[in-house]
Amino acid sequence: MDVRNFFVDRTEEMTILNGLYQKTDTQAQLLVLYGKRRVGKTELIRHFYQGKPHIYYLASRGSAKDQLRTLTEVITNYFGDPLGRDAFPDWRHLFDYLGAKLRASKERLVLVIDEFPYLAESEAAMSSYFQYGWDEQLENTNIFLVIMGSSISMIYKHVLTKKAPLYGRRTGQLLLEPFSFHESRNFFQTTDFEKLFSFYAVLGGMPAYLREFDDSKTVLENIRDKILTRAAFLNLEPELLLSDDFNEPRTYLTILKAIGLGQTRYSELLNTTGLANNELPIYLKTLIELRLVKKEIPITEDMPEKSKKSNYSLSDNFLRFYFSYVFPNASLVESRAFTVLFEKNKELLIRLIAKSYEETTAELVREAIHTQALPPFYRLGRWWNKNTEIDLVCLNDENNSILFVETKWNTKLLRTDVLDNLQQKSQQVVWGKPGRKEYYALVSKGGFSDELRERAKAEGVVLIQKDKVI
């Protein structure tokens, strides 16, 4: 059985949705479900409303009048009323009709408005129409209204911020995140860790991307067939996503390409992109809001909002792969010189996979904390100064304890010098009160020497091989 053809359970999210649906103390529910494009919002909500009375409407970039006609047809057809597409002169009359029908039937109806930001763009007063619909017609019914959107900034603008017309009406909100590495394994049947993680390093946790790769093929074969081939779904995916989010994506593409090529400091981005000092922050802010770029500050900074040690990186594995590996080699891709491309970028691919492994360390450490292989830590993040960096530092302010973690995507067994180096670097980290409790952990794809294992046991160092504590 090919598991990629089936819904991969989002157990926590389904529990949240069903819990809200079954509430009886507050009958009407207005849930905001949002997240990046391709993260699986529509698939999740369709799986949720199976077997429940429901209406699903996908908004488009058409005019408000056209969308009123389409939604009118969808809603009136559901109730079996042949009123026609032009039954209502405006949105208020449609909500009046819907409210009356719901009060008469008293059924628990799931009404999904997918890509609500497109509706909001079609008319300036659209959010106010929905405010009227909720306040005057739907709030006292048994409706389960779900407003969905991929434009995170637009969802905040029209629903979640204090100035939004719908602010305060929602009864819940759910940000749907990409799958973690452990969750992404469910898309494949193979147990080959290196292959599984390499897939994740290239694709990230987006279900629409994970379904594309075939675990009977190698990583390079999948890259060739599913990304580099001209007709492949993933071939132009990043550029298409940007054109969907931005009217003028060229500047955003320039920034993403610069970060993909390793220009991660603000000063480097200024020089590479040619943007003015008062322009670049605006573009970066938008990219961060859309979860395309992340801004990192050393975890030990006391005032991170004022820190000048910021570092920018691509927040999605597939974007990083695309803008580091594919985009800079467009001529080789276009000429289908895949053998040359793979040979030329052999070390780059290894570095990209190793980088993703380092970033996944936080997930592995949280699991070790959950299983009590490590004591609790509540703040996790990278640390660096001018001279060195540590892959992961974890803090517990309550008991003055700190954890230092080094991660290696290695082929040879790690030796004791890796632990020595980590312990030396840890002394450069200024944090906590005198007498802080220090912990150490090593994460390795390729394993550990017997000498290192013995020393780790004696010193209480946690060892994680591949993705398991040993």
Protein backbone atom coordinates (compact mmCIF):
# COMPACT_ATOMS: atom_id res chain seq x y z
CA MET A 1 0.00 0.00 0.00
CA ASP A 2 1.36 3.42 -0.96
CA VAL A 3 0.85 5.55 2.16
CA ARG A 4 1.33 8.73 0.14
CA ASN A 5 -2.16 8.31 -1.29
CA PHE A 6 -3.76 8.51 2.15
CA PHE A 7 -4.33 11.27 4.68
CA VAL A 8 -1.44 11.36 7.14
CA ASP A 9 -3.02 11.86 10.52
CA ARG A 10 -2.59 15.17 12.27
CA THR A 11 -3.74 13.72 15.57
CA GLU A 12 -3.37 16.85 17.67
CA GLU A 13 -5.09 19.09 15.14
CA MET A 14 -7.96 16.65 14.61
CA THR A 15 -8.44 16.45 18.39
CA ILE A 16 -8.64 20.24 18.59
CA LEU A 17 -11.15 20.48 15.73
CA ASN A 18 -13.39 17.72 17.05
CA GLY A 19 -13.22 19.16 20.56
CA LEU A 20 -14.46 22.53 19.32
CA TYR A 21 -17.13 20.90 17.16
CA GLN A 22 -18.52 18.95 20.10
CA LYS A 23 -18.72 21.95 22.43
CA THR A 24 -22.21 22.60 23.77
CA ASP A 25 -21.59 25.48 26.19
CA THR A 26 -20.99 28.00 23.40
CA GLN A 27 -22.93 26.76 20.40
CA ALA A 28 -21.55 28.86 17.56
CA GLN A 29 -17.87 28.46 16.75
CA LEU A 30 -15.69 30.71 14.58
CA LEU A 31 -12.35 29.03 14.02
CA VAL A 32 -9.47 30.67 12.15
CA LEU A 33 -7.30 28.03 10.47
CA TYR A 34 -4.21 29.41 8.77
CA GLY A 35 -0.74 28.42 7.62
CA LYS A 36 1.63 28.47 4.68
CA ARG A 37 0.53 27.33 1.24
CA ARG A 38 0.83 23.57 0.67
CA VAL A 39 0.88 22.84 4.41
CA GLY A 40 -2.32 20.79 4.17
CA LYS A 41 -5.06 23.06 5.56
CA THR A 42 -7.68 22.05 3.00
CA GLU A 43 -6.89 18.35 3.32
CA LEU A 44 -7.13 18.59 7.11
CA ILE A 45 -10.48 20.38 7.08
CA ARG A 46 -11.92 17.99 4.49
CA HIS A 47 -10.87 15.04 6.62
CA PHE A 48 -12.46 16.74 9.64
CA TYR A 49 -15.86 17.40 8.09
CA GLN A 50 -16.32 13.93 6.61
CA GLY A 51 -19.65 12.58 7.87
CA LYS A 52 -20.73 16.01 9.17
CA PRO A 53 -23.20 18.45 7.55
CA HIS A 54 -20.92 20.86 5.71
CA ILE A 55 -20.54 23.52 3.06
CA TYR A 56 -17.12 24.15 1.54
CA TYR A 57 -16.37 27.31 -0.45
CA LEU A 58 -13.02 28.15 -2.03
CA ALA A 59 -12.66 31.88 -2.64
CA SER A 60 -10.94 33.11 -5.77
CA ARG A 61 -9.41 36.34 -6.97
CA GLY A 62 -12.60 37.31 -8.80
CA SER A 63 -14.80 40.29 -8.08
CA ALA A 64 -16.85 40.51 -4.89
CA LYS A 65 -20.04 40.35 -6.98
CA ASP A 66 -18.97 37.14 -8.74
CA GLN A 67 -18.02 35.54 -5.43
CA LEU A 68 -21.34 36.54 -3.89
CA ARG A 69 -23.10 34.80 -6.77
CA THR A 70 -20.97 31.65 -6.44
CA LEU A 71 -21.36 31.39 -2.67
CA THR A 72 -25.09 32.07 -2.99
CA GLU A 73 -25.39 29.14 -5.37
CA VAL A 74 -23.37 26.86 -3.06
CA ILE A 75 -25.38 27.73 0.06
CA THR A 76 -28.85 27.71 -1.51
CA ASN A 77 -28.12 24.39 -3.25
CA TYR A 78 -27.19 22.91 0.11
CA PHE A 79 -30.57 23.89 1.55
CA GLY A 80 -32.40 22.75 -1.60
CA ASP A 81 -33.64 26.20 -2.59
CA PRO A 82 -33.56 26.88 -6.37
CA LEU A 83 -33.22 30.65 -5.89
CA GLY A 84 -30.54 31.22 -8.53
CA ARG A 85 -27.15 32.91 -8.42
CA ASP A 86 -28.61 36.43 -8.24
CA ALA A 87 -30.97 35.75 -5.35
CA PHE A 88 -29.34 38.31 -3.03
CA PRO A 89 -28.33 41.89 -3.88
CA ASP A 90 -25.55 41.99 -1.30
CA TRP A 91 -23.68 39.99 1.34
CA ARG A 92 -25.95 41.05 4.18
CA HIS A 93 -28.97 39.48 2.53
CA LEU A 94 -27.02 36.25 2.05
CA PHE A 95 -26.15 36.18 5.76
CA ASP A 96 -29.78 36.94 6.64
CA TYR A 97 -30.84 33.92 4.58
CA LEU A 98 -28.17 31.67 6.12
CA GLY A 99 -29.03 32.74 9.67
CA ALA A 100 -32.73 32.06 9.16
CA LYS A 101 -32.03 28.61 7.70
CA LEU A 102 -29.72 27.65 10.56
CA ARG A 103 -32.17 28.81 13.24
CA ALA A 104 -34.92 26.78 11.58
CA SER A 105 -32.91 23.57 11.21
CA LYS A 106 -30.77 23.84 14.38
CA GLU A 107 -28.24 21.47 12.81
CA ARG A 108 -24.53 21.70 13.48
CA LEU A 109 -23.35 22.93 10.07
CA VAL A 110 -19.66 23.22 9.21
CA LEU A 111 -19.21 26.20 6.89
CA VAL A 112 -15.70 26.53 5.48
CA ILE A 113 -14.54 29.70 3.76
CA ASP A 114 -11.19 28.73 2.24
CA GLU A 115 -8.70 31.42 1.16
CA PHE A 116 -10.64 34.16 2.94
CA PRO A 117 -7.88 36.70 2.10
CA TYR A 118 -8.99 36.54 -1.56
CA LEU A 119 -12.47 37.56 -0.46
CA ALA A 120 -11.06 40.36 1.67
CA GLU A 121 -9.03 41.63 -1.29
CA SER A 122 -12.10 41.72 -3.53
CA GLU A 123 -13.82 44.49 -1.54
CA ALA A 124 -12.60 46.75 1.25
CA ALA A 125 -15.76 46.23 3.32
CA MET A 126 -15.72 42.41 3.10
CA SER A 127 -14.51 41.84 6.66
CA SER A 128 -17.23 44.19 7.88
CA TYR A 129 -19.85 42.14 6.01
CA PHE A 130 -18.63 39.03 7.82
CA GLN A 131 -18.68 40.95 11.09
CA TYR A 132 -22.34 41.76 10.45
CA GLY A 133 -23.05 38.18 9.45
CA TRP A 134 -21.55 36.83 12.66
CA ASP A 135 -22.92 39.45 15.07
CA GLU A 136 -26.44 39.66 13.68
CA GLN A 137 -27.12 36.23 12.21
CA LEU A 138 -24.69 33.42 13.04
CA GLU A 139 -23.53 33.94 16.61
CA ASN A 140 -26.75 32.56 18.07
CA THR A 141 -26.98 29.55 15.78
CA ASN A 142 -25.27 26.17 15.93
CA ILE A 143 -22.81 26.96 13.10
CA PHE A 144 -19.19 25.83 13.00
CA LEU A 145 -17.64 28.52 10.81
CA VAL A 146 -14.06 27.99 9.65
CA ILE A 147 -12.18 30.88 8.06
CA MET A 148 -9.03 29.70 6.32
CA GLY A 149 -6.12 31.44 4.65
CA SER A 150 -2.59 30.96 3.36
CA SER A 151 -1.63 34.62 3.49
CA ILE A 152 -0.67 34.81 7.14
CA SER A 153 -0.23 38.58 7.07
CA MET A 154 -3.73 39.03 5.58
CA ILE A 155 -5.27 36.72 8.19
CA TYR A 156 -3.72 38.87 10.90
CA LYS A 157 -4.87 42.07 9.21
CA HIS A 158 -8.51 41.02 8.74
CA VAL A 159 -9.10 38.65 11.64
CA LEU A 160 -6.50 38.42 14.37
CA THR A 161 -5.23 41.94 15.13
CA LYS A 162 -7.11 44.33 17.41
CA LYS A 163 -8.00 46.66 14.53
CA ALA A 164 -9.51 43.85 12.44
CA PRO A 165 -13.34 43.91 12.04
CA LEU A 166 -13.51 40.25 13.09
CA TYR A 167 -11.23 40.66 16.10
CA GLY A 168 -12.79 39.20 19.22
CA ARG A 169 -15.34 37.15 17.27
CA ARG A 170 -13.18 34.07 16.85
CA THR A 171 -13.66 31.27 19.37
CA GLY A 172 -10.39 29.61 18.39
CA GLN A 173 -7.43 29.81 16.06
CA LEU A 174 -5.08 27.17 14.75
CA LEU A 175 -1.80 27.79 12.96
CA LEU A 176 -1.06 24.67 10.94
CA GLU A 177 2.68 24.03 10.93
CA PRO A 178 4.68 21.86 8.52
CA PHE A 179 5.34 18.31 9.65
CA SER A 180 8.33 17.60 11.86
CA PHE A 181 10.96 15.12 10.71
CA HIS A 182 9.39 12.32 12.76
CA GLU A 183 5.96 13.09 11.28
CA SER A 184 7.31 13.31 7.74
CA ARG A 185 8.55 9.71 7.97
CA ASN A 186 4.91 8.58 7.78
CA PHE A 187 4.84 9.49 4.08
CA PHE A 188 7.30 6.73 3.24
CA GLN A 189 7.66 3.00 3.77
CA THR A 190 11.45 2.80 3.88
CA THR A 191 13.27 2.62 7.22
CA ASP A 192 16.56 3.87 5.76
CA PHE A 193 17.33 6.81 8.07
CA GLU A 194 19.81 8.50 5.75
CA LYS A 195 17.37 8.41 2.84
CA LEU A 196 14.45 9.55 5.00
CA PHE A 197 16.35 12.46 6.44
CA SER A 198 17.79 13.45 3.07
CA PHE A 199 14.24 13.60 1.70
CA TYR A 200 13.24 15.80 4.63
CA ALA A 201 16.32 17.99 4.21
CA VAL A 202 15.37 18.66 0.58
CA LEU A 203 11.58 18.93 0.94
CA GLY A 204 10.92 20.02 4.51
CA GLY A 205 7.67 19.11 6.21
CA MET A 206 5.18 20.22 3.57
CA PRO A 207 2.82 17.29 2.82
CA ALA A 208 2.26 18.33 -0.79
CA TYR A 209 6.01 18.08 -1.39
CA LEU A 210 6.60 14.90 0.61
CA ARG A 211 4.02 13.07 -1.52
CA GLU A 212 6.09 13.77 -4.61
CA PHE A 213 9.17 11.75 -3.66
CA ASP A 214 9.41 8.01 -4.30
CA ASP A 215 11.33 6.09 -1.63
CA SER A 216 12.19 3.31 -4.10
CA LYS A 217 14.50 5.82 -5.81
CA THR A 218 17.66 7.56 -4.61
CA VAL A 219 17.76 11.15 -3.43
CA LEU A 220 19.40 12.30 -6.66
CA GLU A 221 16.90 10.41 -8.81
CA ASN A 222 14.04 12.10 -6.96
CA ILE A 223 15.67 15.51 -7.30
CA ARG A 224 16.07 14.92 -11.03
CA ASP A 225 12.57 13.54 -11.64
CA LYS A 226 10.50 15.55 -9.17
CA ILE A 227 12.25 18.93 -9.03
CA LEU A 228 14.56 19.48 -12.00
CA THR A 229 12.37 18.02 -14.75
CA ARG A 230 10.55 20.84 -16.48
CA ALA A 231 7.01 19.47 -16.13
CA ALA A 232 7.44 18.41 -12.49
CA PHE A 233 5.11 19.89 -9.87
CA LEU A 234 8.04 21.17 -7.77
CA ASN A 235 10.01 22.60 -10.70
CA LEU A 236 8.85 26.22 -10.37
CA GLU A 237 7.02 25.91 -7.07
CA PRO A 238 8.90 28.63 -5.09
CA GLU A 239 8.54 31.21 -7.84
CA LEU A 240 4.86 30.38 -8.34
CA LEU A 241 4.21 30.69 -4.62
CA LEU A 242 5.89 34.08 -4.54
CA SER A 243 3.95 35.31 -7.56
CA ASP A 244 0.80 34.25 -5.72
CA ASP A 245 1.73 36.22 -2.60
CA PHE A 246 3.29 39.28 -4.24
CA ASN A 247 2.37 41.44 -7.20
CA GLU A 248 6.06 42.21 -7.77
CA PRO A 249 8.04 39.17 -6.58
CA ARG A 250 11.39 40.15 -8.14
CA THR A 251 12.82 41.87 -5.06
CA TYR A 252 11.69 39.06 -2.79
CA LEU A 253 13.32 36.54 -5.12
CA THR A 254 16.55 38.54 -4.93
CA ILE A 255 16.53 38.44 -1.12
CA LEU A 256 15.71 34.73 -0.97
CA LYS A 257 18.44 33.91 -3.47
CA ALA A 258 20.97 35.97 -1.49
CA ILE A 259 20.10 34.16 1.74
CA GLY A 260 20.21 30.83 -0.07
CA LEU A 261 23.75 31.63 -1.21
CA GLY A 262 24.84 32.26 2.36
CA GLN A 263 24.33 36.01 2.74
CA THR A 264 22.70 35.78 6.16
CA ARG A 265 23.75 38.97 7.91
CA TYR A 266 21.87 42.22 7.46
CA SER A 267 24.93 44.06 6.13
CA GLU A 268 25.55 41.27 3.60
CA LEU A 269 21.96 41.43 2.39
CA LEU A 270 22.22 45.19 1.97
CA ASN A 271 25.29 44.82 -0.21
CA THR A 272 24.01 41.87 -2.23
CA THR A 273 20.47 43.08 -2.93
CA GLY A 274 21.31 46.74 -3.49
CA LEU A 275 18.29 47.77 -1.44
CA ALA A 276 18.37 50.96 0.64
CA ASN A 277 18.73 50.73 4.40
CA ASN A 278 15.12 51.91 4.86
CA GLU A 279 13.75 49.42 2.28
CA LEU A 280 15.31 46.09 3.24
CA PRO A 281 13.61 45.83 6.69
CA ILE A 282 10.18 46.18 5.07
CA TYR A 283 10.81 43.28 2.69
CA LEU A 284 12.38 41.15 5.43
CA LYS A 285 9.42 41.81 7.75
CA THR A 286 7.01 40.55 5.08
CA LEU A 287 9.07 37.44 4.38
CA ILE A 288 9.24 36.69 8.10
CA GLU A 289 5.46 37.14 8.50
CA LEU A 290 4.92 34.68 5.65
CA ARG A 291 7.18 32.14 7.40
CA LEU A 292 9.57 32.17 4.43
CA VAL A 293 12.49 33.69 6.33
CA LYS A 294 13.39 33.48 10.00
CA LYS A 295 15.43 35.92 12.03
CA GLU A 296 17.63 34.38 14.69
CA ILE A 297 19.32 35.96 17.69
CA PRO A 298 21.77 34.13 19.97
CA ILE A 299 19.62 32.38 22.57
CA THR A 300 21.41 34.00 25.50
CA GLU A 301 20.76 37.61 24.45
CA ASP A 302 19.05 39.54 27.29
CA MET A 303 17.26 41.98 24.97
CA PRO A 304 16.80 40.13 21.66
CA GLU A 305 14.60 42.84 20.17
CA LYS A 306 17.53 45.29 20.38
CA SER A 307 20.32 42.87 19.53
CA LYS A 308 22.54 43.64 16.54
CA LYS A 309 23.62 40.00 16.23
CA SER A 310 20.71 38.99 14.04
CA ASN A 311 21.07 36.29 11.42
CA TYR A 312 18.60 35.57 8.61
CA SER A 313 17.94 32.15 7.11
CA LEU A 314 15.35 30.45 4.93
CA SER A 315 12.79 28.89 7.25
CA ASP A 316 11.75 26.13 4.86
CA ASN A 317 14.03 23.26 3.79
CA PHE A 318 12.69 23.19 0.24
CA LEU A 319 13.20 26.92 -0.21
CA ARG A 320 16.75 26.59 1.07
CA PHE A 321 17.43 23.70 -1.32
CA TYR A 322 15.87 25.54 -4.25
CA PHE A 323 17.62 28.87 -3.74
CA SER A 324 20.96 27.30 -2.80
CA TYR A 325 21.09 24.41 -5.26
CA VAL A 326 18.64 24.88 -8.14
CA PHE A 327 18.25 28.61 -8.73
CA PRO A 328 22.01 29.40 -8.96
CA ASN A 329 22.46 26.55 -11.46
CA ALA A 330 19.59 27.46 -13.77
CA SER A 331 21.68 27.07 -16.94
CA LEU A 332 22.66 23.49 -16.07
CA VAL A 333 19.06 22.68 -15.19
CA GLU A 334 17.72 24.18 -18.42
CA SER A 335 20.27 22.26 -20.50
CA ARG A 336 19.43 19.07 -18.57
CA ALA A 337 23.09 18.59 -17.68
CA PHE A 338 22.07 16.78 -14.51
CA THR A 339 25.20 14.63 -14.22
CA VAL A 340 27.38 17.74 -14.29
CA LEU A 341 25.05 19.51 -11.85
CA PHE A 342 25.15 16.64 -9.36
CA GLU A 343 28.92 16.24 -9.56
CA LYS A 344 29.58 19.96 -9.26
CA ASN A 345 27.29 20.31 -6.22
CA LYS A 346 28.04 17.04 -4.44
CA GLU A 347 29.53 18.75 -1.38
CA LEU A 348 26.84 21.46 -1.40
CA LEU A 349 24.10 18.84 -1.09
CA ILE A 350 25.90 17.23 1.84
CA ARG A 351 26.21 20.65 3.52
CA LEU A 352 22.51 21.37 3.00
CA ILE A 353 21.55 18.02 4.52
CA ALA A 354 23.96 18.60 7.41
CA LYS A 355 22.46 22.05 8.00
CA SER A 356 18.97 20.57 8.19
CA TYR A 357 20.23 17.92 10.59
CA GLU A 358 21.62 20.66 12.83
CA GLU A 359 18.30 22.49 12.76
CA THR A 360 16.42 19.27 13.56
CA THR A 361 18.53 18.90 16.71
CA ALA A 362 15.93 20.92 18.65
CA GLU A 363 13.26 18.36 17.72
CA LEU A 364 15.50 15.48 18.81
CA VAL A 365 16.40 17.19 22.08
CA ARG A 366 12.74 17.93 22.88
CA GLU A 367 12.01 14.24 22.41
CA ALA A 368 14.89 13.37 24.75
CA ILE A 369 13.46 15.78 27.32
CA HIS A 370 10.01 14.25 26.89
CA THR A 371 11.38 10.75 27.57
CA GLN A 372 13.40 12.14 30.52
CA ALA A 373 16.72 11.23 28.94
CA LEU A 374 17.48 14.92 29.53
CA PRO A 375 16.22 17.25 32.27
CA PRO A 376 13.69 19.93 31.29
CA PHE A 377 14.78 22.98 29.29
CA TYR A 378 12.33 25.62 28.11
CA ARG A 379 14.31 27.89 25.81
CA LEU A 380 16.17 26.37 22.87
CA GLY A 381 18.18 28.07 20.14
CA ARG A 382 21.49 28.58 18.42
CA TRP A 383 24.36 30.52 19.95
CA TRP A 384 27.27 32.27 18.31
CA ASN A 385 29.81 35.07 18.75
CA LYS A 386 32.54 36.44 16.50
CA ASN A 387 34.76 33.41 16.98
CA THR A 388 32.59 30.35 17.24
CA GLU A 389 29.09 28.90 17.30
CA ILE A 390 27.21 26.11 19.04
CA ASP A 391 24.51 24.19 17.18
CA LEU A 392 22.02 24.24 20.07
CA VAL A 393 21.95 25.78 23.53
CA CYS A 394 19.05 25.05 25.87
CA LEU A 395 18.23 27.08 28.97
CA ASN A 396 16.29 26.55 32.16
CA ASP A 397 16.14 29.90 33.94
CA GLU A 398 14.35 28.45 36.95
CA ASN A 399 17.13 26.13 38.08
CA ASN A 400 20.09 27.89 36.42
CA SER A 401 20.92 24.98 34.10
CA ILE A 402 22.21 25.02 30.54
CA LEU A 403 22.62 22.34 27.87
CA PHE A 404 25.18 22.45 25.04
CA VAL A 405 24.63 20.31 21.94
CA GLU A 406 26.87 19.55 18.98
CA THR A 407 25.47 17.85 15.86
CA LYS A 408 27.40 16.01 13.15
CA TRP A 409 26.17 14.55 9.85
CA ASN A 410 29.18 12.24 9.91
CA THR A 411 30.23 9.01 8.22
CA LYS A 412 33.09 8.09 10.59
CA LEU A 413 32.57 7.46 14.31
CA LEU A 414 32.86 10.59 16.47
CA ARG A 415 35.80 10.60 18.85
CA THR A 416 36.36 12.28 22.19
CA ASP A 417 37.87 15.40 20.65
CA VAL A 418 34.35 16.46 19.55
CA LEU A 419 33.22 16.50 23.19
CA ASP A 420 36.42 18.29 24.24
CA ASN A 421 35.78 20.99 21.64
CA LEU A 422 32.15 21.44 22.72
CA GLN A 423 33.14 21.77 26.37
CA GLN A 424 35.76 24.36 25.47
CA LYS A 425 33.28 26.38 23.39
CA SER A 426 30.71 26.24 26.18
CA GLN A 427 32.97 28.30 28.44
CA GLN A 428 32.58 31.25 26.06
CA VAL A 429 28.82 31.34 26.68
CA VAL A 430 28.03 34.01 29.25
CA TRP A 431 24.71 33.16 30.86
CA GLY A 432 23.16 32.37 34.22
CA LYS A 433 24.29 32.78 37.79
CA PRO A 434 27.56 31.54 39.29
CA GLY A 435 27.55 27.78 39.78
CA ARG A 436 25.25 27.09 36.84
CA LYS A 437 24.59 23.41 36.11
CA GLU A 438 26.02 22.42 32.73
CA TYR A 439 24.85 19.50 30.56
CA TYR A 440 26.18 18.20 27.25
CA ALA A 441 24.73 16.18 24.38
CA LEU A 442 26.11 14.98 21.06
CA VAL A 443 24.00 14.14 18.00
CA SER A 444 25.55 11.98 15.31
CA LYS A 445 24.31 10.35 12.14
CA GLY A 446 27.29 7.99 11.96
CA GLY A 447 27.72 6.96 15.59
CA PHE A 448 30.31 7.21 18.35
CA SER A 449 33.59 5.51 19.17
CA ASP A 450 33.77 3.12 22.13
CA GLU A 451 36.02 5.55 23.97
CA LEU A 452 33.52 8.38 23.55
CA ARG A 453 30.66 6.14 24.67
CA GLU A 454 32.52 5.21 27.84
CA ARG A 455 33.38 8.81 28.62
CA ALA A 456 29.83 9.98 27.92
CA LYS A 457 28.51 7.37 30.35
CA ALA A 458 30.98 8.46 33.03
CA GLU A 459 30.26 12.19 32.59
CA GLY A 460 26.50 11.99 32.00
CA VAL A 461 26.71 13.18 28.39
CA VAL A 462 23.65 12.24 26.34
CA LEU A 463 24.35 10.64 22.97
CA ILE A 464 21.78 10.67 20.17
CA GLN A 465 22.57 8.45 17.19
CA LYS A 466 20.53 9.28 14.08
CA ASP A 467 17.34 10.26 15.93
CA LYS A 468 17.40 8.03 19.04
CA VAL A 469 19.07 8.35 22.44
CA ILE A 470 21.48 5.45 22.96
